[in-house]
Amino acid sequence: MIYLHLTIDERSCIASMRIRHESIAQIARVLNRSKSTISRELKRNYYWNEQYQNGYFAPLAQTMYRKRKKNCHQAAHVDTMVKDYIETRLKETWSPEQISCSSAPYAMPSFKTIYRWIERGLIFGKDAKVLRHKGRKALTRETRGKINAGKSIKKRDKSVYKRIDFGHWEADTMVSGRGKSKSCLAVLAERKSRLYLALPIPDRTEESLRKAIDEMLLPFKGRMVKTITCDRGKEFSGFSKIESALDCQVYFADPYCAWQKGTVENSNGLLRQFLPKGCSLRVSRERLEHYINLINRRPRKCNGFISSYDVINNYMSCT
């Protein structure tokens, strides 16, 4: 049942008809409202003085209605232990949905309730900085040229799209801004577990990126490294050496089709919480490793609210 509150126009009509001493039934018929609605309105907003001798004045009734509506919600009660637990997880960069849906020592409210508590200042005093920010940014076009060789993503096995097997990776580079700094990050994301890896590199040259990818994936060589998907940036021109060193296949996404390697692109967005665009990416390995661990230890909705580390460990222990 949809209930529509009376508007200021309807209240003005009620006031003018009351001045003419018309009945509640007549007012209800004109406004196409029930008689009980008009009767309740007159009782709730009745106000008498010498100026408003009919006892009902539309602007005053509207003000009284808004005041009642503002205070009509149920007072929120946040348990101290639940509040402390939520704040601890938010400090660990968990999202409200991850906090609500993962296992916890206390009964957790819904993630929408957690958002409301933050907005109303019941948690962190309205400090929304604990939440990850999202937004659309202008796309940056590559000007350094493209790789024409290599296998297209269209030749990749269709089973990779279904995320059935482990060992299918997506690679990318993260930069702080064209011309601002040569330092950047080499990043990798595993499609099934969403495991995210990153290493700082001094520049976007083929040699720097290749060495970083080899270092990150050599511990997984074999059953955990089957394919790598990347874009056609010049830094991936050493793909044949990567294939030889890791015994895998490298595929290239179509130009300006970032969605074809959406796992790593989404993971980059998570890392941007700690390293926003425009900041210098000349970070130490220890600092970067701390950020990566925070991301990989979060319960992920796509993993049934299990962390990427736990998914990989379960797979490694069963094979």
Protein backbone atom coordinates (compact mmCIF):
# COMPACT_ATOMS: atom_id res chain seq x y z
CA MET A 1 0.00 0.00 0.00
CA ILE A 2 1.42 3.38 -1.00
CA TYR A 3 0.61 6.25 1.34
CA LEU A 4 1.10 9.79 0.07
CA HIS A 5 1.46 12.56 2.62
CA LEU A 6 -0.58 15.73 2.23
CA THR A 7 1.18 18.49 0.31
CA ILE A 8 1.28 22.20 1.12
CA ASP A 9 -1.19 22.81 -1.74
CA GLU A 10 -3.66 20.35 -0.22
CA ARG A 11 -3.23 21.93 3.19
CA SER A 12 -3.92 25.36 1.69
CA CYS A 13 -7.12 23.98 0.15
CA ILE A 14 -8.16 22.52 3.51
CA ALA A 15 -7.55 25.87 5.23
CA SER A 16 -9.60 27.85 2.69
CA MET A 17 -12.51 25.38 2.78
CA ARG A 18 -12.53 25.43 6.58
CA ILE A 19 -12.84 29.22 6.50
CA ARG A 20 -15.99 28.69 4.39
CA HIS A 21 -17.21 26.21 7.03
CA GLU A 22 -17.37 23.32 4.59
CA SER A 23 -17.61 19.84 6.05
CA ILE A 24 -14.85 17.23 6.28
CA ALA A 25 -16.75 15.09 3.75
CA GLN A 26 -16.81 17.94 1.23
CA ILE A 27 -13.06 18.60 1.68
CA ALA A 28 -12.27 14.90 1.26
CA ARG A 29 -14.35 14.74 -1.92
CA VAL A 30 -12.53 17.75 -3.47
CA LEU A 31 -9.04 16.42 -2.60
CA ASN A 32 -9.92 12.81 -3.45
CA ARG A 33 -8.85 11.78 0.04
CA SER A 34 -10.56 9.73 2.72
CA LYS A 35 -12.52 11.52 5.42
CA SER A 36 -10.30 9.98 8.10
CA THR A 37 -7.22 11.55 6.47
CA ILE A 38 -8.74 15.01 6.61
CA SER A 39 -9.99 14.45 10.16
CA ARG A 40 -6.55 13.35 11.40
CA GLU A 41 -4.90 16.30 9.67
CA LEU A 42 -7.19 18.79 11.41
CA LYS A 43 -6.68 17.17 14.83
CA ARG A 44 -2.90 16.83 14.54
CA ASN A 45 -2.30 20.39 13.32
CA TYR A 46 -5.00 22.22 15.27
CA TYR A 47 -3.80 25.59 16.51
CA TRP A 48 -5.98 28.31 17.98
CA ASN A 49 -5.35 31.99 18.48
CA GLU A 50 -7.17 35.22 17.65
CA GLN A 51 -5.50 35.49 14.22
CA TYR A 52 -6.29 31.92 13.05
CA GLN A 53 -9.77 31.57 14.47
CA ASN A 54 -10.61 28.57 12.31
CA GLY A 55 -7.89 26.62 14.17
CA TYR A 56 -6.01 25.54 11.02
CA PHE A 57 -3.34 27.48 9.11
CA ALA A 58 -1.61 25.76 6.14
CA PRO A 59 2.01 27.06 6.52
CA LEU A 60 1.95 26.31 10.24
CA ALA A 61 0.50 22.84 9.60
CA GLN A 62 3.27 22.13 7.08
CA THR A 63 5.92 23.20 9.62
CA MET A 64 4.43 20.94 12.30
CA TYR A 65 4.30 18.04 9.85
CA ARG A 66 7.98 18.41 8.92
CA LYS A 67 8.99 18.57 12.57
CA ARG A 68 7.11 15.35 13.35
CA LYS A 69 8.55 13.59 10.29
CA LYS A 70 12.10 14.55 11.25
CA ASN A 71 11.73 12.85 14.62
CA CYS A 72 9.62 9.86 13.56
CA HIS A 73 12.46 7.34 13.13
CA GLN A 74 13.39 4.87 15.82
CA ALA A 75 16.36 5.90 17.94
CA ALA A 76 19.44 3.92 16.97
CA HIS A 77 21.27 1.99 19.65
CA VAL A 78 24.80 0.85 18.88
CA ASP A 79 26.26 -1.76 21.21
CA THR A 80 29.71 -0.70 22.42
CA MET A 81 31.36 -4.04 21.59
CA VAL A 82 29.78 -4.12 18.11
CA LYS A 83 30.85 -0.50 17.54
CA ASP A 84 34.45 -1.27 18.55
CA TYR A 85 34.54 -4.33 16.28
CA ILE A 86 33.18 -2.38 13.29
CA GLU A 87 35.63 0.48 13.82
CA THR A 88 38.53 -1.98 14.07
CA ARG A 89 37.58 -3.62 10.76
CA LEU A 90 37.08 -0.25 9.06
CA LYS A 91 40.58 0.74 10.15
CA GLU A 92 41.78 -2.47 8.49
CA THR A 93 40.17 -1.15 5.26
CA TRP A 94 37.23 -3.59 5.28
CA SER A 95 34.07 -2.34 3.60
CA PRO A 96 30.73 -2.30 5.54
CA GLU A 97 29.48 -5.17 3.38
CA GLN A 98 32.56 -7.27 4.17
CA ILE A 99 32.06 -6.59 7.89
CA SER A 100 28.37 -7.44 7.78
CA CYS A 101 28.58 -10.66 5.75
CA SER A 102 31.74 -12.27 7.14
CA SER A 103 31.92 -14.28 10.35
CA ALA A 104 32.12 -12.14 13.48
CA PRO A 105 32.04 -12.70 17.26
CA TYR A 106 28.89 -10.56 17.50
CA ALA A 107 25.64 -10.27 15.60
CA MET A 108 26.35 -7.75 12.85
CA PRO A 109 23.83 -5.29 11.40
CA SER A 110 23.33 -5.03 7.65
CA PHE A 111 25.91 -3.11 5.65
CA LYS A 112 23.30 -0.42 4.91
CA THR A 113 22.86 0.10 8.65
CA ILE A 114 26.62 0.48 9.08
CA TYR A 115 26.63 3.15 6.35
CA ARG A 116 23.78 4.96 8.14
CA TRP A 117 25.63 4.82 11.45
CA ILE A 118 28.66 6.42 9.85
CA GLU A 119 26.56 9.11 8.16
CA ARG A 120 24.80 9.93 11.46
CA GLY A 121 28.05 10.10 13.41
CA LEU A 122 27.40 7.01 15.56
CA ILE A 123 30.65 5.49 14.22
CA PHE A 124 33.80 7.53 13.62
CA GLY A 125 31.87 10.77 14.09
CA LYS A 126 30.74 11.11 10.45
CA ASP A 127 34.31 10.57 9.25
CA ALA A 128 33.68 8.96 5.84
CA LYS A 129 37.42 8.80 5.15
CA VAL A 130 37.38 5.24 6.49
CA LEU A 131 35.38 4.22 3.42
CA ARG A 132 36.85 3.54 0.01
CA HIS A 133 36.06 6.31 -2.45
CA LYS A 134 34.74 5.55 -5.91
CA GLY A 135 34.36 7.70 -8.98
CA ARG A 136 34.87 7.94 -12.68
CA LYS A 137 38.00 9.58 -13.97
CA ALA A 138 38.95 10.75 -17.44
CA LEU A 139 40.73 8.05 -19.42
CA THR A 140 44.40 8.57 -20.20
CA ARG A 141 45.42 7.65 -23.71
CA GLU A 142 48.66 5.80 -24.39
CA THR A 143 51.10 7.78 -26.54
CA ARG A 144 54.18 5.55 -26.45
CA GLY A 145 53.03 3.12 -29.13
CA LYS A 146 51.59 -0.38 -29.11
CA ILE A 147 52.79 -3.96 -29.52
CA ASN A 148 51.62 -5.50 -32.78
CA ALA A 149 52.98 -8.99 -32.10
CA GLY A 150 51.65 -11.49 -29.58
CA LYS A 151 48.49 -13.56 -29.22
CA SER A 152 45.15 -11.80 -29.07
CA ILE A 153 42.84 -12.42 -26.11
CA LYS A 154 40.39 -13.88 -28.60
CA LYS A 155 42.68 -16.91 -28.88
CA ARG A 156 42.62 -17.52 -25.13
CA ASP A 157 40.70 -20.60 -24.00
CA LYS A 158 37.06 -19.80 -23.25
CA SER A 159 37.25 -21.60 -19.89
CA VAL A 160 39.36 -18.72 -18.55
CA TYR A 161 36.30 -16.47 -18.62
CA LYS A 162 34.42 -18.82 -16.27
CA ARG A 163 37.11 -18.60 -13.55
CA ILE A 164 37.04 -22.37 -13.04
CA ASP A 165 40.79 -22.99 -12.77
CA PHE A 166 43.57 -21.29 -10.86
CA GLY A 167 46.63 -19.91 -12.58
CA HIS A 168 45.19 -17.33 -14.96
CA TRP A 169 46.69 -13.91 -14.25
CA GLU A 170 46.17 -10.36 -15.45
CA ALA A 171 49.08 -7.89 -15.55
CA ASP A 172 49.26 -4.12 -15.61
CA THR A 173 51.34 -1.13 -14.56
CA MET A 174 50.21 1.63 -12.20
CA VAL A 175 51.61 5.12 -12.72
CA SER A 176 51.30 8.31 -10.69
CA GLY A 177 50.76 10.57 -13.70
CA ARG A 178 52.32 11.06 -17.10
CA GLY A 179 55.52 13.10 -16.81
CA LYS A 180 55.39 13.43 -13.01
CA SER A 181 57.60 10.48 -12.05
CA LYS A 182 59.18 7.48 -13.73
CA SER A 183 58.60 5.30 -10.69
CA CYS A 184 55.59 3.01 -11.01
CA LEU A 185 54.23 -0.34 -9.89
CA ALA A 186 54.06 -3.70 -11.64
CA VAL A 187 50.82 -5.40 -10.59
CA LEU A 188 49.28 -8.83 -11.07
CA ALA A 189 45.89 -10.30 -10.17
CA GLU A 190 44.83 -13.97 -10.24
CA ARG A 191 41.38 -14.30 -11.80
CA LYS A 192 39.82 -17.01 -9.61
CA SER A 193 41.11 -16.11 -6.13
CA ARG A 194 41.57 -12.36 -6.86
CA LEU A 195 45.02 -12.62 -5.27
CA TYR A 196 46.75 -9.28 -5.85
CA LEU A 197 50.53 -8.80 -6.17
CA ALA A 198 52.56 -5.64 -6.72
CA LEU A 199 56.20 -4.55 -6.84
CA PRO A 200 57.71 -1.07 -7.23
CA ILE A 201 59.80 -0.62 -10.38
CA PRO A 202 62.02 2.35 -11.32
CA ASP A 203 60.46 2.87 -14.76
CA ARG A 204 58.09 1.37 -17.35
CA THR A 205 60.76 -0.26 -19.46
CA GLU A 206 60.43 -3.79 -20.75
CA GLU A 207 63.33 -5.05 -18.64
CA SER A 208 62.07 -3.59 -15.35
CA LEU A 209 58.58 -4.98 -15.82
CA ARG A 210 59.76 -8.40 -16.95
CA LYS A 211 62.04 -8.80 -13.93
CA ALA A 212 59.22 -7.79 -11.58
CA ILE A 213 56.75 -10.27 -13.12
CA ASP A 214 59.33 -13.06 -12.96
CA GLU A 215 60.04 -12.29 -9.30
CA MET A 216 56.35 -12.26 -8.35
CA LEU A 217 55.29 -15.38 -10.27
CA LEU A 218 58.31 -17.68 -9.99
CA PRO A 219 57.09 -18.99 -6.58
CA PHE A 220 53.82 -19.97 -8.31
CA LYS A 221 55.42 -21.46 -11.44
CA GLY A 222 53.69 -24.59 -12.66
CA ARG A 223 50.11 -25.30 -11.64
CA MET A 224 49.53 -21.70 -10.54
CA VAL A 225 50.82 -19.92 -13.68
CA LYS A 226 49.06 -20.88 -16.91
CA THR A 227 48.21 -17.64 -18.71
CA ILE A 228 48.90 -13.92 -18.34
CA THR A 229 46.67 -11.30 -19.94
CA CYS A 230 47.91 -7.73 -20.38
CA ASP A 231 47.45 -4.68 -22.60
CA ARG A 232 49.59 -3.79 -25.61
CA GLY A 233 51.79 -1.22 -23.86
CA LYS A 234 55.44 -1.16 -24.88
CA GLU A 235 56.50 -2.34 -21.43
CA PHE A 236 55.11 -5.81 -22.28
CA SER A 237 57.27 -6.21 -25.38
CA GLY A 238 59.35 -8.84 -23.55
CA PHE A 239 56.38 -11.23 -23.39
CA SER A 240 58.25 -14.03 -25.16
CA LYS A 241 60.90 -14.05 -22.40
CA ILE A 242 58.13 -14.14 -19.79
CA GLU A 243 56.54 -17.13 -21.53
CA SER A 244 59.88 -18.93 -21.58
CA ALA A 245 60.78 -18.19 -17.96
CA LEU A 246 57.38 -19.06 -16.48
CA ASP A 247 56.29 -21.73 -18.99
CA CYS A 248 52.98 -19.99 -19.66
CA GLN A 249 51.08 -18.20 -22.44
CA VAL A 250 50.77 -14.41 -22.68
CA TYR A 251 47.68 -12.88 -24.29
CA PHE A 252 46.95 -9.26 -25.17
CA ALA A 253 43.66 -7.42 -24.63
CA ASP A 254 42.24 -5.29 -27.43
CA PRO A 255 43.26 -1.59 -27.47
CA TYR A 256 41.22 0.58 -25.05
CA CYS A 257 39.31 -2.45 -23.73
CA ALA A 258 40.30 -2.36 -20.07
CA TRP A 259 37.23 -4.43 -19.17
CA GLN A 260 38.92 -7.44 -20.80
CA LYS A 261 41.31 -7.50 -17.82
CA GLY A 262 38.85 -6.20 -15.28
CA THR A 263 40.21 -8.21 -12.34
CA VAL A 264 43.50 -6.33 -12.21
CA GLU A 265 41.81 -3.02 -13.02
CA ASN A 266 39.45 -3.45 -10.07
CA SER A 267 42.34 -4.46 -7.82
CA ASN A 268 44.20 -1.33 -8.86
CA GLY A 269 41.21 0.65 -7.65
CA LEU A 270 41.53 -1.01 -4.24
CA LEU A 271 45.21 -0.06 -4.04
CA ARG A 272 44.34 3.53 -4.98
CA GLN A 273 42.74 3.82 -1.55
CA PHE A 274 46.26 3.93 -0.13
CA LEU A 275 48.07 5.45 -3.14
CA PRO A 276 45.61 7.90 -4.76
CA LYS A 277 46.16 9.25 -8.23
CA GLY A 278 48.63 12.09 -8.35
CA CYS A 279 50.75 10.88 -5.43
CA SER A 280 54.28 9.59 -5.91
CA LEU A 281 54.59 5.83 -6.35
CA ARG A 282 58.18 5.79 -5.16
CA VAL A 283 57.30 3.61 -2.16
CA SER A 284 59.35 1.05 -0.27
CA ARG A 285 58.69 -2.65 -0.68
CA GLU A 286 57.77 -2.96 3.00
CA ARG A 287 55.15 -0.22 2.77
CA LEU A 288 53.69 -1.61 -0.44
CA GLU A 289 53.63 -5.14 1.00
CA HIS A 290 51.62 -3.83 3.96
CA TYR A 291 48.98 -2.39 1.62
CA ILE A 292 48.84 -5.58 -0.45
CA ASN A 293 48.41 -7.71 2.68
CA LEU A 294 45.50 -5.54 3.81
CA ILE A 295 43.79 -6.09 0.46
CA ASN A 296 44.44 -9.85 0.28
CA ARG A 297 43.30 -10.42 3.87
CA ARG A 298 39.90 -8.84 3.35
CA PRO A 299 36.92 -11.18 2.96
CA ARG A 300 35.82 -10.81 -0.65
CA LYS A 301 32.17 -10.99 -1.67
CA CYS A 302 33.10 -12.74 -4.94
CA ASN A 303 34.85 -15.44 -2.86
CA GLY A 304 31.90 -16.01 -0.55
CA PHE A 305 33.44 -13.56 1.94
CA ILE A 306 36.68 -15.51 2.19
CA SER A 307 40.00 -13.71 1.77
CA SER A 308 42.20 -14.27 -1.29
CA TYR A 309 44.94 -15.68 0.92
CA ASP A 310 42.55 -18.29 2.35
CA VAL A 311 41.33 -19.28 -1.12
CA ILE A 312 44.91 -19.85 -2.33
CA ASN A 313 45.92 -21.70 0.85
CA ASN A 314 42.88 -24.00 0.61
CA TYR A 315 43.71 -24.78 -3.00
CA MET A 316 47.41 -25.42 -2.32
CA SER A 317 46.65 -27.69 0.64
CA CYS A 318 44.19 -29.81 -1.38
CA THR A 319 46.46 -30.40 -4.40
